Protein backbone atom coordinates (compact mmCIF):
# COMPACT_ATOMS: atom_id res chain seq x y z
CA LEU A 1 286.30 134.03 213.90
CA GLU A 2 283.54 136.59 214.15
CA LEU A 3 284.14 140.31 215.13
CA THR A 4 281.28 142.89 215.78
CA VAL A 5 281.95 145.94 213.60
CA PRO A 6 278.89 148.12 213.75
CA GLY A 7 278.84 150.90 211.15
CA TYR A 8 281.69 149.79 209.23
CA THR A 9 281.33 148.89 205.58
CA LYS A 10 283.51 146.16 203.94
CA GLU A 11 285.45 148.96 202.22
CA GLU A 12 286.62 150.40 205.42
CA ILE A 13 288.05 147.11 206.77
CA LYS A 14 291.32 145.57 205.83
CA LEU A 15 292.67 142.18 206.75
CA ASN A 16 296.38 141.19 206.41
CA VAL A 17 298.39 138.21 207.34
CA VAL A 18 301.80 139.28 208.76
CA SER A 19 304.77 136.96 208.84
CA ASN A 20 302.51 133.94 208.23
CA LYS A 21 301.53 134.08 211.83
CA PHE A 22 299.41 136.99 212.63
CA LEU A 23 295.83 137.99 211.30
CA VAL A 24 295.54 141.83 211.58
CA VAL A 25 292.12 143.42 211.12
CA LYS A 26 292.15 147.23 210.73
CA GLY A 27 289.01 149.46 210.39
CA GLU A 28 288.89 153.14 209.67
CA ARG A 29 285.79 155.03 209.11
CA SER A 30 286.33 158.14 206.86
CA THR A 31 283.22 159.88 208.15
CA ASP A 32 284.08 160.19 211.79
CA LYS A 33 287.76 159.11 211.81
CA ARG A 34 286.94 156.14 214.17
CA LYS A 35 289.53 153.40 213.96
CA PHE A 36 290.17 149.99 215.42
CA GLU A 37 292.77 147.28 215.10
CA PHE A 38 292.62 143.64 216.14
CA THR A 39 295.49 141.05 215.95
CA ASN A 40 294.98 137.29 216.31
CA VAL A 41 297.75 134.83 216.38
CA LEU A 42 297.08 132.05 213.67
CA ALA A 43 297.36 128.31 214.58
CA GLU A 44 300.38 126.61 212.76
CA ASN A 45 297.95 124.43 210.71
CA ILE A 46 295.85 127.21 209.04
CA ASP A 47 296.01 127.44 205.41
CA ILE A 48 296.66 131.02 204.87
CA ASP A 49 295.61 130.80 201.24
CA SER A 50 292.06 129.58 202.22
CA ILE A 51 291.34 132.69 204.55
CA SER A 52 288.29 134.51 203.50
CA ALA A 53 285.94 137.07 205.02
CA GLU A 54 282.52 138.46 204.80
CA CYS A 55 280.94 141.66 206.47
CA LYS A 56 277.23 141.55 206.82
CA ASN A 57 274.94 143.43 209.18
CA GLY A 58 277.76 144.62 211.37
CA ILE A 59 279.32 141.15 211.75
CA LEU A 60 282.79 140.36 210.11
CA THR A 61 283.07 136.55 209.68
CA ILE A 62 286.50 135.34 208.94
CA THR A 63 286.98 131.62 207.81
CA ALA A 64 289.94 129.48 207.26
CA LYS A 65 290.76 125.81 206.43
CA HIS A 66 293.06 123.68 208.61
CA ILE A 67 295.81 121.80 206.92
CA ALA A 68 295.21 118.15 207.70
CA ALA A 69 298.17 116.53 209.53
CA LYS A 70 299.83 113.75 207.49
CA GLU A 71 300.88 110.67 209.27
CA ILE A 72 304.07 109.17 208.00
CA PRO A 73 304.37 105.45 208.14
CA ILE A 74 307.52 103.86 209.55
CA LYS A 75 309.12 101.30 207.19
């Protein structure tokens, strides 16, 4: 997932996972009181512990791994 966040530093952006279902991204600039909030529903097969983010040149890139489905053999 990529979000455009021009003018924001990584210290001004917070990511949270709420109820293991929602990814919430909030930004607040202390210099001019600008704010934003973005909420995205996470797919059921996302490994929440694998979520990472990088902010570079005004682009916030959020990555996560999918949990592979496990096929169960029938006996």
